[in-house]
Amino acid sequence: MAISHVHRALCLIAAPVFLLYCGAVAQADEAMKSPIVQEPRVLVVVLDGTGQYRSIQEAIDHAASGDTIRIKAGEYPEDVTIHSKHRLRLVGDGVDKVKILGRNRVGAFHIGKWPYGATEVGISGLTIQEHGGLAMGIFNGHALVLRELKINGMLFGQQVQDVRIEHCVIGGSETTGVQLADSQALLVGNFIHDNDHGVTVAGKSDVRLERNVITRSLFEGVVVTDSARAVLLSNTIVKNGGGVAFLGTSRSDVSGNIVGLNKVGFVVGASSTTNSSYNAVFNSEENYLRAGSPNVPAPELKADSDLTVDPRFADPGQDDFRLRSDTPLTRVGGFAYLGALAPVDEAR
């Protein structure tokens, strides 16, 4: 009988202790399941050591999702790579103040690499210098924004999606200024200059070019080839060897552009499909050619709505491709003006 009372007392003591233990274990399990959320940080890179880092790459390696890396003025002789990162921003002090030079690798700046990509990465406010024939390579990434950069050399993208390249100056490549393969991208408001080719859209890419100025290419300003899909809307493609070439089985919609002051305007391959409307075409040798060996004049390619008139640029010799007040290219086909840049009187 005494033993029974003792056993009952022990059970009454042990039960709440056991329940407390179980509750503690459950709370620990929940804590392990819930990720620790770190507040976004600003990591500062300064060459003289007054920031948290001297090296851009070191800051990237230590950055977490949501962080911003601020890059202070200076020339950085290093190779920079961003991969396996999510929601990261690199902000330089300005294209005239921050310059990435590269060091040992082809391409001074890489975003993504196989098999590791990068997502929701934004880069702005710096200059990237060509190194080994490539300035910047973007590979296997998603939701990338390149804004207000100066890229001295080629920008190459392969197997990237939802890329936005805006208000950048891209030039000086001995091959192509912007080359995209099997990629989906938007190029808007860029100045692309002094390359062998301005923009090449290849593979299975789907690319939209809107309000870009593409000038002084040795060959074509834009090439759309393979089975790529392109939309060219309100661009100014001028003073190139050729304007735009549509090759392979590519499919393109072309509207509201100025393709002028080139040797040749449009070159269209027999297997490509091009829907064209309300373009101003004004070139020194031919406006429309069928691709071949050699290319053959094809005036029948002119769309009924195309205009073959002098755009009347403000000062094309000084790269001022705004339209003068006496231009015939305003209020055409639903466009306030054709081309990338507003007329002089509207831009004031």
Foldseek 3Di string as FASTA:
>chain_A
DVVVVVVVVVCVVVVVVVVVVVVVVVVVVVVVVDDDDDDAEEFEADCVPPTPHPAPQVCLVPHAAQYEYEYEFDEAAAAHEHWPHERYEYAYPAAVGYEQEYHPDQERYEAYDPPTHYENYEYEGYEFEGDPQYGYEYECYENYEYEHYEYQGAYEYENYENYEYEAYEFENHQAERYEYENYEYEYEHYEFEHYLEYYEYDHAYEYEYYLYEFEHHADEPYEYEAQYEYEYAFAEQEHYQEYYEYYYQYEYEYELAEQENHQEYYEYEPNYHYHYAHYEFEHDHADYWYVDVHTHHDPVPDDPHYHDDDQCFPCVVVPRRAGEPPGPAAPGPNHRGGHNHHHPVVVD
